[in-house]
């Protein structure tokens, strides 16, 4: 999973054929718990590009997108948001995998 370092990079990423953007933060315990699952998710959904956005570094973007809970997963295709997975509960591998499978369709 690649880190988004600038708004230019973010804008380029979301214009692609399919990107999953995970909004996260270093202080987020749920983000830390799912971190080891990310390589498996990337392998299972290799047709998607995976990126991370640090919420604290891109707070204005998160406000613009109404991203208030983290981790949040948002799928973009050709500049449009396709779907998002936000939940106040801790996310499981199965839930994230199911979300990605549905979002690709």
N, C-alpha and C. Protein backbone atom coordinates (compact mmCIF):
# COMPACT_ATOMS: atom_id res chain seq x y z
N UNK A 1 0.85 -1.17 0.00
CA UNK A 1 0.00 0.00 0.00
C UNK A 1 0.90 1.23 0.00
N UNK A 2 0.66 2.10 -0.96
CA UNK A 2 1.49 3.30 -1.11
C UNK A 2 0.86 4.46 -0.34
N UNK A 3 1.72 5.33 0.18
CA UNK A 3 1.25 6.52 0.88
C UNK A 3 1.02 7.66 -0.09
N UNK A 4 -0.07 8.38 0.10
CA UNK A 4 -0.34 9.59 -0.66
C UNK A 4 0.44 10.72 0.01
N UNK A 5 1.26 11.41 -0.78
CA UNK A 5 2.13 12.46 -0.23
C UNK A 5 1.69 13.87 -0.59
N UNK A 6 0.78 14.00 -1.56
CA UNK A 6 0.37 15.34 -1.98
C UNK A 6 -1.04 15.29 -2.57
N UNK A 7 -1.67 16.44 -2.67
CA UNK A 7 -2.98 16.50 -3.30
C UNK A 7 -2.89 16.19 -4.78
N UNK A 8 -1.79 16.58 -5.41
CA UNK A 8 -1.61 16.23 -6.83
C UNK A 8 -1.60 14.72 -7.01
N UNK A 9 -0.88 14.02 -6.14
CA UNK A 9 -0.83 12.56 -6.22
C UNK A 9 -2.22 11.97 -5.96
N UNK A 10 -2.92 12.48 -4.96
CA UNK A 10 -4.27 12.00 -4.66
C UNK A 10 -5.18 12.15 -5.88
N UNK A 11 -5.16 13.33 -6.50
CA UNK A 11 -6.00 13.58 -7.67
C UNK A 11 -5.66 12.65 -8.83
N UNK A 12 -4.39 12.36 -9.00
CA UNK A 12 -3.96 11.43 -10.04
C UNK A 12 -4.45 10.01 -9.74
N UNK A 13 -4.34 9.60 -8.49
CA UNK A 13 -4.74 8.25 -8.07
C UNK A 13 -6.22 8.02 -8.31
N UNK A 14 -7.06 8.97 -7.93
CA UNK A 14 -8.51 8.72 -8.03
C UNK A 14 -9.00 8.75 -9.48
N UNK A 15 -8.19 9.27 -10.38
CA UNK A 15 -8.57 9.29 -11.80
C UNK A 15 -8.29 7.97 -12.50
N UNK A 16 -7.63 7.04 -11.82
CA UNK A 16 -7.25 5.77 -12.43
C UNK A 16 -8.42 4.81 -12.63
N UNK A 17 -8.07 3.61 -13.06
CA UNK A 17 -9.06 2.58 -13.38
C UNK A 17 -9.69 1.94 -12.15
N UNK A 18 -9.08 2.10 -11.00
CA UNK A 18 -9.63 1.54 -9.77
C UNK A 18 -8.63 1.67 -8.64
N UNK A 19 -8.99 2.47 -7.64
CA UNK A 19 -8.09 2.69 -6.51
C UNK A 19 -8.86 2.60 -5.20
N UNK A 20 -8.25 1.96 -4.23
CA UNK A 20 -8.77 1.91 -2.88
C UNK A 20 -7.92 2.86 -2.06
N UNK A 21 -8.59 3.82 -1.42
CA UNK A 21 -7.88 4.77 -0.57
C UNK A 21 -8.31 4.50 0.87
N UNK A 22 -7.33 4.16 1.69
CA UNK A 22 -7.58 3.92 3.11
C UNK A 22 -7.18 5.18 3.87
N UNK A 23 -8.14 5.77 4.55
CA UNK A 23 -7.88 6.94 5.38
C UNK A 23 -7.55 6.43 6.78
N UNK A 24 -6.43 6.87 7.30
CA UNK A 24 -5.87 6.31 8.52
C UNK A 24 -5.15 7.39 9.32
N UNK A 25 -4.61 7.01 10.46
CA UNK A 25 -3.78 7.91 11.27
C UNK A 25 -2.89 7.05 12.16
N UNK A 26 -1.73 7.59 12.50
CA UNK A 26 -0.78 6.85 13.31
C UNK A 26 -1.28 6.50 14.69
N UNK A 27 -2.19 7.29 15.22
CA UNK A 27 -2.70 7.07 16.58
C UNK A 27 -3.92 6.14 16.61
N UNK A 28 -4.37 5.67 15.46
CA UNK A 28 -5.61 4.87 15.35
C UNK A 28 -5.33 3.39 15.67
N UNK A 29 -5.86 2.88 16.79
CA UNK A 29 -5.60 1.47 17.13
C UNK A 29 -6.22 0.48 16.14
N UNK A 30 -7.42 0.78 15.63
CA UNK A 30 -8.04 -0.13 14.66
C UNK A 30 -7.25 -0.18 13.36
N UNK A 31 -6.63 0.94 12.99
CA UNK A 31 -5.79 0.97 11.78
C UNK A 31 -4.58 0.05 11.96
N UNK A 32 -4.00 0.09 13.14
CA UNK A 32 -2.84 -0.74 13.45
C UNK A 32 -3.20 -2.22 13.41
N UNK A 33 -4.38 -2.56 13.87
CA UNK A 33 -4.80 -3.96 13.90
C UNK A 33 -5.00 -4.51 12.50
N UNK A 34 -5.52 -3.71 11.57
CA UNK A 34 -5.75 -4.24 10.22
C UNK A 34 -4.53 -4.12 9.32
N UNK A 35 -3.52 -3.40 9.76
CA UNK A 35 -2.30 -3.22 8.94
C UNK A 35 -1.72 -4.54 8.43
N UNK A 36 -1.60 -5.59 9.26
CA UNK A 36 -1.04 -6.85 8.75
C UNK A 36 -1.93 -7.55 7.71
N UNK A 37 -3.21 -7.18 7.64
CA UNK A 37 -4.13 -7.79 6.68
C UNK A 37 -4.02 -7.18 5.29
N UNK A 38 -3.46 -6.00 5.20
CA UNK A 38 -3.46 -5.26 3.95
C UNK A 38 -2.76 -5.97 2.80
N UNK A 39 -1.60 -6.60 3.00
CA UNK A 39 -0.97 -7.32 1.88
C UNK A 39 -1.86 -8.43 1.32
N UNK A 40 -2.60 -9.11 2.18
CA UNK A 40 -3.50 -10.17 1.72
C UNK A 40 -4.64 -9.57 0.91
N UNK A 41 -5.19 -8.46 1.39
CA UNK A 41 -6.27 -7.79 0.66
C UNK A 41 -5.78 -7.31 -0.70
N UNK A 42 -4.58 -6.76 -0.73
CA UNK A 42 -4.01 -6.30 -2.00
C UNK A 42 -3.83 -7.46 -2.97
N UNK A 43 -3.40 -8.59 -2.47
CA UNK A 43 -3.22 -9.78 -3.32
C UNK A 43 -4.58 -10.29 -3.82
N UNK A 44 -5.57 -10.31 -2.94
CA UNK A 44 -6.90 -10.80 -3.31
C UNK A 44 -7.60 -9.88 -4.32
N UNK A 45 -7.21 -8.63 -4.34
CA UNK A 45 -7.86 -7.64 -5.21
C UNK A 45 -6.80 -6.90 -6.02
N UNK A 46 -5.99 -7.69 -6.71
CA UNK A 46 -4.82 -7.15 -7.42
C UNK A 46 -5.18 -6.22 -8.58
N UNK A 47 -6.42 -6.23 -9.01
CA UNK A 47 -6.82 -5.32 -10.09
C UNK A 47 -7.03 -3.89 -9.57
N UNK A 48 -7.00 -3.72 -8.27
CA UNK A 48 -7.13 -2.39 -7.65
C UNK A 48 -5.77 -1.92 -7.15
N UNK A 49 -5.56 -0.62 -7.18
CA UNK A 49 -4.37 -0.01 -6.58
C UNK A 49 -4.74 0.43 -5.17
N UNK A 50 -3.85 0.21 -4.22
CA UNK A 50 -4.13 0.52 -2.82
C UNK A 50 -3.24 1.67 -2.34
N UNK A 51 -3.87 2.64 -1.66
CA UNK A 51 -3.17 3.82 -1.15
C UNK A 51 -3.66 4.16 0.24
N UNK A 52 -2.79 4.84 0.98
CA UNK A 52 -3.12 5.34 2.32
C UNK A 52 -3.08 6.85 2.33
N UNK A 53 -4.03 7.45 3.04
CA UNK A 53 -4.02 8.88 3.29
C UNK A 53 -4.01 9.08 4.79
N UNK A 54 -3.01 9.79 5.28
CA UNK A 54 -2.94 10.11 6.70
C UNK A 54 -3.93 11.23 6.97
N UNK A 55 -4.94 10.92 7.73
CA UNK A 55 -6.01 11.87 8.04
C UNK A 55 -5.47 13.17 8.62
N UNK A 56 -4.48 13.07 9.48
CA UNK A 56 -3.95 14.26 10.15
C UNK A 56 -3.19 15.17 9.18
N UNK A 57 -2.63 14.62 8.14
CA UNK A 57 -1.90 15.42 7.15
C UNK A 57 -2.82 15.99 6.07
N UNK A 58 -4.01 15.39 5.91
CA UNK A 58 -4.95 15.80 4.87
C UNK A 58 -6.33 16.04 5.47
N UNK A 59 -6.37 16.78 6.55
CA UNK A 59 -7.63 17.01 7.28
C UNK A 59 -8.66 17.72 6.41
N UNK A 60 -8.23 18.66 5.58
CA UNK A 60 -9.19 19.38 4.73
C UNK A 60 -9.82 18.45 3.69
N UNK A 61 -9.02 17.55 3.13
CA UNK A 61 -9.55 16.56 2.20
C UNK A 61 -10.56 15.67 2.90
N UNK A 62 -10.23 15.22 4.11
CA UNK A 62 -11.13 14.36 4.86
C UNK A 62 -12.44 15.08 5.18
N UNK A 63 -12.36 16.36 5.51
CA UNK A 63 -13.58 17.13 5.76
C UNK A 63 -14.40 17.26 4.48
N UNK A 64 -13.74 17.52 3.38
CA UNK A 64 -14.42 17.64 2.09
C UNK A 64 -15.14 16.35 1.71
N UNK A 65 -14.53 15.21 2.03
CA UNK A 65 -15.10 13.90 1.69
C UNK A 65 -15.99 13.33 2.79
N UNK A 66 -16.16 14.08 3.89
CA UNK A 66 -16.92 13.59 5.05
C UNK A 66 -16.34 12.30 5.62
N UNK A 67 -15.02 12.26 5.72
CA UNK A 67 -14.32 11.13 6.35
C UNK A 67 -14.04 11.54 7.79
N UNK A 68 -14.83 11.01 8.70
CA UNK A 68 -14.64 11.36 10.10
C UNK A 68 -14.23 10.15 10.93
N UNK A 69 -14.63 8.96 10.53
CA UNK A 69 -14.21 7.74 11.21
C UNK A 69 -13.07 7.09 10.46
N UNK A 70 -12.13 6.56 11.20
CA UNK A 70 -11.02 5.86 10.56
C UNK A 70 -10.81 4.52 11.26
N UNK A 71 -10.31 3.54 10.55
CA UNK A 71 -9.99 3.58 9.13
C UNK A 71 -11.25 3.60 8.28
N UNK A 72 -11.18 4.31 7.19
CA UNK A 72 -12.25 4.34 6.19
C UNK A 72 -11.64 3.91 4.87
N UNK A 73 -12.37 3.10 4.14
CA UNK A 73 -11.94 2.66 2.82
C UNK A 73 -12.87 3.27 1.78
N UNK A 74 -12.30 3.95 0.78
CA UNK A 74 -13.08 4.55 -0.29
C UNK A 74 -12.51 4.05 -1.61
N UNK A 75 -13.40 3.58 -2.48
CA UNK A 75 -13.01 3.09 -3.79
C UNK A 75 -13.37 4.15 -4.83
N UNK A 76 -12.38 4.49 -5.66
CA UNK A 76 -12.57 5.46 -6.73
C UNK A 76 -12.30 4.79 -8.08
N UNK A 77 -13.01 5.26 -9.08
CA UNK A 77 -12.76 4.81 -10.45
C UNK A 77 -13.01 5.99 -11.37
N UNK A 78 -11.99 6.33 -12.15
CA UNK A 78 -12.08 7.41 -13.13
C UNK A 78 -12.62 8.70 -12.51
N UNK A 79 -12.12 9.02 -11.32
CA UNK A 79 -12.46 10.27 -10.66
C UNK A 79 -13.74 10.26 -9.85
N UNK A 80 -14.45 9.15 -9.85
CA UNK A 80 -15.71 9.07 -9.12
C UNK A 80 -15.61 8.10 -7.95
N UNK A 81 -16.26 8.47 -6.86
CA UNK A 81 -16.34 7.55 -5.73
C UNK A 81 -17.33 6.45 -6.09
N UNK A 82 -16.89 5.20 -5.98
CA UNK A 82 -17.72 4.05 -6.30
C UNK A 82 -18.44 3.55 -5.05
N UNK A 83 -17.71 3.49 -3.94
CA UNK A 83 -18.28 2.99 -2.69
C UNK A 83 -17.35 3.34 -1.55
N UNK A 84 -17.87 3.24 -0.33
CA UNK A 84 -17.02 3.46 0.85
C UNK A 84 -17.45 2.53 1.97
N UNK A 85 -16.48 2.20 2.82
CA UNK A 85 -16.72 1.34 3.97
C UNK A 85 -16.25 2.09 5.20
N UNK A 86 -17.23 2.52 5.98
CA UNK A 86 -16.97 3.23 7.22
C UNK A 86 -17.85 2.56 8.28
N UNK A 87 -17.28 2.31 9.42
CA UNK A 87 -18.03 1.68 10.49
C UNK A 87 -17.41 2.07 11.82
N UNK A 88 -18.25 2.27 12.81
CA UNK A 88 -17.71 2.60 14.13
C UNK A 88 -17.14 1.36 14.82
N UNK A 89 -17.48 0.19 14.31
CA UNK A 89 -16.97 -1.06 14.86
C UNK A 89 -15.64 -1.43 14.21
N UNK A 90 -14.86 -2.22 14.92
CA UNK A 90 -13.59 -2.71 14.36
C UNK A 90 -13.87 -3.57 13.14
N UNK A 91 -13.18 -3.29 12.06
CA UNK A 91 -13.39 -4.00 10.81
C UNK A 91 -12.63 -5.32 10.81
N UNK A 92 -13.23 -6.33 10.22
CA UNK A 92 -12.57 -7.62 10.11
C UNK A 92 -12.07 -7.81 8.68
N UNK A 93 -11.18 -8.75 8.51
CA UNK A 93 -10.67 -9.11 7.19
C UNK A 93 -11.82 -9.48 6.26
N UNK A 94 -12.76 -10.26 6.76
CA UNK A 94 -13.88 -10.71 5.96
C UNK A 94 -14.75 -9.54 5.51
N UNK A 95 -14.99 -8.59 6.40
CA UNK A 95 -15.82 -7.43 6.05
C UNK A 95 -15.14 -6.57 4.97
N UNK A 96 -13.86 -6.34 5.14
CA UNK A 96 -13.13 -5.52 4.16
C UNK A 96 -13.07 -6.24 2.82
N UNK A 97 -12.79 -7.53 2.85
CA UNK A 97 -12.73 -8.32 1.62
C UNK A 97 -14.07 -8.32 0.89
N UNK A 98 -15.14 -8.49 1.63
CA UNK A 98 -16.49 -8.48 1.05
C UNK A 98 -16.81 -7.11 0.46
N UNK A 99 -16.45 -6.05 1.17
CA UNK A 99 -16.67 -4.70 0.66
C UNK A 99 -15.94 -4.49 -0.67
N UNK A 100 -14.66 -4.90 -0.72
CA UNK A 100 -13.87 -4.71 -1.94
C UNK A 100 -14.44 -5.52 -3.10
N UNK A 101 -14.89 -6.74 -2.83
CA UNK A 101 -15.48 -7.57 -3.88
C UNK A 101 -16.72 -6.90 -4.44
N UNK A 102 -17.56 -6.38 -3.57
CA UNK A 102 -18.79 -5.70 -4.01
C UNK A 102 -18.48 -4.41 -4.76
N UNK A 103 -17.50 -3.66 -4.29
CA UNK A 103 -17.17 -2.37 -4.88
C UNK A 103 -16.60 -2.52 -6.29
N UNK A 104 -15.98 -3.65 -6.59
CA UNK A 104 -15.38 -3.87 -7.91
C UNK A 104 -16.43 -4.14 -8.98
N UNK A 105 -17.61 -4.55 -8.59
CA UNK A 105 -18.62 -4.97 -9.56
C UNK A 105 -19.24 -3.81 -10.29
